[in-house]
């Protein structure tokens, strides 16, 4: 089920962003899950958590950044 898979990737991103300001997703299984989201869905997913997202390397890598401005605008705690 995609929601269970997505929640696993979500937990990994959150864990990584607690330790450092960016998280690189390159693992094929994780990329497959995130690539199932349309561009606007991926943006909304990231913004909902106070993150920014950038697709890199021709779609072979997705980068998430901890974004304080997104958190403040969305009401997410720091």
C-alpha atoms as a PDB file:
ATOM      1  CA  UNK A   1       0.000   0.000   0.000  1.00  0.00           C
ATOM      2  CA  UNK A   2       1.477   3.342  -1.048  1.00  0.00           C
ATOM      3  CA  UNK A   3       0.504   5.198   2.128  1.00  0.00           C
ATOM      4  CA  UNK A   4       2.392   2.693   4.315  1.00  0.00           C
ATOM      5  CA  UNK A   5       5.429   2.918   2.062  1.00  0.00           C
ATOM      6  CA  UNK A   6       5.243   6.702   1.966  1.00  0.00           C
ATOM      7  CA  UNK A   7       5.008   6.901   5.753  1.00  0.00           C
ATOM      8  CA  UNK A   8       8.241   4.897   5.988  1.00  0.00           C
ATOM      9  CA  UNK A   9      10.047   7.292   3.654  1.00  0.00           C
ATOM     10  CA  UNK A  10       8.498  10.219   5.534  1.00  0.00           C
ATOM     11  CA  UNK A  11       9.894   8.888   8.833  1.00  0.00           C
ATOM     12  CA  UNK A  12      13.361   8.491   7.299  1.00  0.00           C
ATOM     13  CA  UNK A  13      13.338  12.041   5.939  1.00  0.00           C
ATOM     14  CA  UNK A  14      12.169  13.463   9.275  1.00  0.00           C
ATOM     15  CA  UNK A  15      14.851  11.498  11.148  1.00  0.00           C
ATOM     16  CA  UNK A  16      17.589  12.710   8.798  1.00  0.00           C
ATOM     17  CA  UNK A  17      16.431  16.327   8.887  1.00  0.00           C
ATOM     18  CA  UNK A  18      16.570  16.297  12.698  1.00  0.00           C
ATOM     19  CA  UNK A  19      20.297  15.521  12.394  1.00  0.00           C
ATOM     20  CA  UNK A  20      21.294  17.711   9.443  1.00  0.00           C
ATOM     21  CA  UNK A  21      19.691  20.367   7.214  1.00  0.00           C
ATOM     22  CA  UNK A  22      19.314  18.146   4.124  1.00  0.00           C
ATOM     23  CA  UNK A  23      18.310  14.620   3.231  1.00  0.00           C
ATOM     24  CA  UNK A  24      19.217  12.882  -0.031  1.00  0.00           C
ATOM     25  CA  UNK A  25      16.928  10.143  -1.313  1.00  0.00           C
ATOM     26  CA  UNK A  26      18.694   7.914  -3.838  1.00  0.00           C
ATOM     27  CA  UNK A  27      17.695   4.357  -2.898  1.00  0.00           C
ATOM     28  CA  UNK A  28      15.701   2.828  -5.777  1.00  0.00           C
ATOM     29  CA  UNK A  29      12.833   1.605  -3.563  1.00  0.00           C
ATOM     30  CA  UNK A  30      12.470   5.022  -1.906  1.00  0.00           C
ATOM     31  CA  UNK A  31      12.740   6.804  -5.253  1.00  0.00           C
ATOM     32  CA  UNK A  32       9.993   4.573  -6.694  1.00  0.00           C
ATOM     33  CA  UNK A  33       7.652   5.575  -3.854  1.00  0.00           C
ATOM     34  CA  UNK A  34       8.337   9.299  -4.243  1.00  0.00           C
ATOM     35  CA  UNK A  35       8.213   9.194  -8.048  1.00  0.00           C
ATOM     36  CA  UNK A  36       4.631   7.940  -7.840  1.00  0.00           C
ATOM     37  CA  UNK A  37       3.711  11.400  -6.552  1.00  0.00           C
ATOM     38  CA  UNK A  38       3.111  14.114  -9.124  1.00  0.00           C
ATOM     39  CA  UNK A  39       5.305  17.221  -8.844  1.00  0.00           C
ATOM     40  CA  UNK A  40       2.611  19.232  -7.094  1.00  0.00           C
ATOM     41  CA  UNK A  41       1.847  16.334  -4.718  1.00  0.00           C
ATOM     42  CA  UNK A  42       5.511  16.027  -3.805  1.00  0.00           C
ATOM     43  CA  UNK A  43       5.703  19.783  -3.152  1.00  0.00           C
ATOM     44  CA  UNK A  44       2.585  19.624  -0.994  1.00  0.00           C
ATOM     45  CA  UNK A  45       3.978  16.611   0.889  1.00  0.00           C
ATOM     46  CA  UNK A  46       7.193  18.507   1.640  1.00  0.00           C
ATOM     47  CA  UNK A  47       5.471  21.771   2.553  1.00  0.00           C
ATOM     48  CA  UNK A  48       3.134  19.948   4.897  1.00  0.00           C
ATOM     49  CA  UNK A  49       6.182  18.935   6.938  1.00  0.00           C
ATOM     50  CA  UNK A  50       8.028  22.248   6.731  1.00  0.00           C
ATOM     51  CA  UNK A  51      10.483  20.942   4.128  1.00  0.00           C
ATOM     52  CA  UNK A  52      11.604  22.061   0.691  1.00  0.00           C
ATOM     53  CA  UNK A  53      12.126  19.515  -2.060  1.00  0.00           C
ATOM     54  CA  UNK A  54      14.395  19.562  -5.133  1.00  0.00           C
ATOM     55  CA  UNK A  55      14.683  16.878  -7.799  1.00  0.00           C
ATOM     56  CA  UNK A  56      18.289  16.359  -8.898  1.00  0.00           C
ATOM     57  CA  UNK A  57      20.416  14.384 -11.347  1.00  0.00           C
ATOM     58  CA  UNK A  58      17.743  13.892 -13.966  1.00  0.00           C
ATOM     59  CA  UNK A  59      15.302  12.423 -11.470  1.00  0.00           C
ATOM     60  CA  UNK A  60      17.740   9.948  -9.898  1.00  0.00           C
ATOM     61  CA  UNK A  61      17.909  11.873  -6.633  1.00  0.00           C
ATOM     62  CA  UNK A  62      15.424  13.860  -4.571  1.00  0.00           C
ATOM     63  CA  UNK A  63      16.700  16.263  -1.955  1.00  0.00           C
ATOM     64  CA  UNK A  64      14.722  17.472   1.043  1.00  0.00           C
ATOM     65  CA  UNK A  65      15.742  20.501   3.064  1.00  0.00           C
ATOM     66  CA  UNK A  66      14.595  21.618   6.464  1.00  0.00           C
ATOM     67  CA  UNK A  67      12.911  24.955   5.731  1.00  0.00           C
ATOM     68  CA  UNK A  68      12.221  27.225   8.690  1.00  0.00           C
ATOM     69  CA  UNK A  69      10.143  29.589   6.534  1.00  0.00           C
ATOM     70  CA  UNK A  70       7.841  26.729   5.500  1.00  0.00           C
ATOM     71  CA  UNK A  71       7.453  25.684   9.122  1.00  0.00           C
ATOM     72  CA  UNK A  72       6.554  29.188  10.239  1.00  0.00           C
ATOM     73  CA  UNK A  73       4.087  29.695   7.381  1.00  0.00           C
ATOM     74  CA  UNK A  74       2.493  26.279   7.893  1.00  0.00           C
ATOM     75  CA  UNK A  75       2.376  26.438  11.662  1.00  0.00           C
ATOM     76  CA  UNK A  76       4.659  23.411  12.094  1.00  0.00           C
ATOM     77  CA  UNK A  77       6.769  23.464  15.239  1.00  0.00           C
ATOM     78  CA  UNK A  78      10.523  23.783  15.025  1.00  0.00           C
END
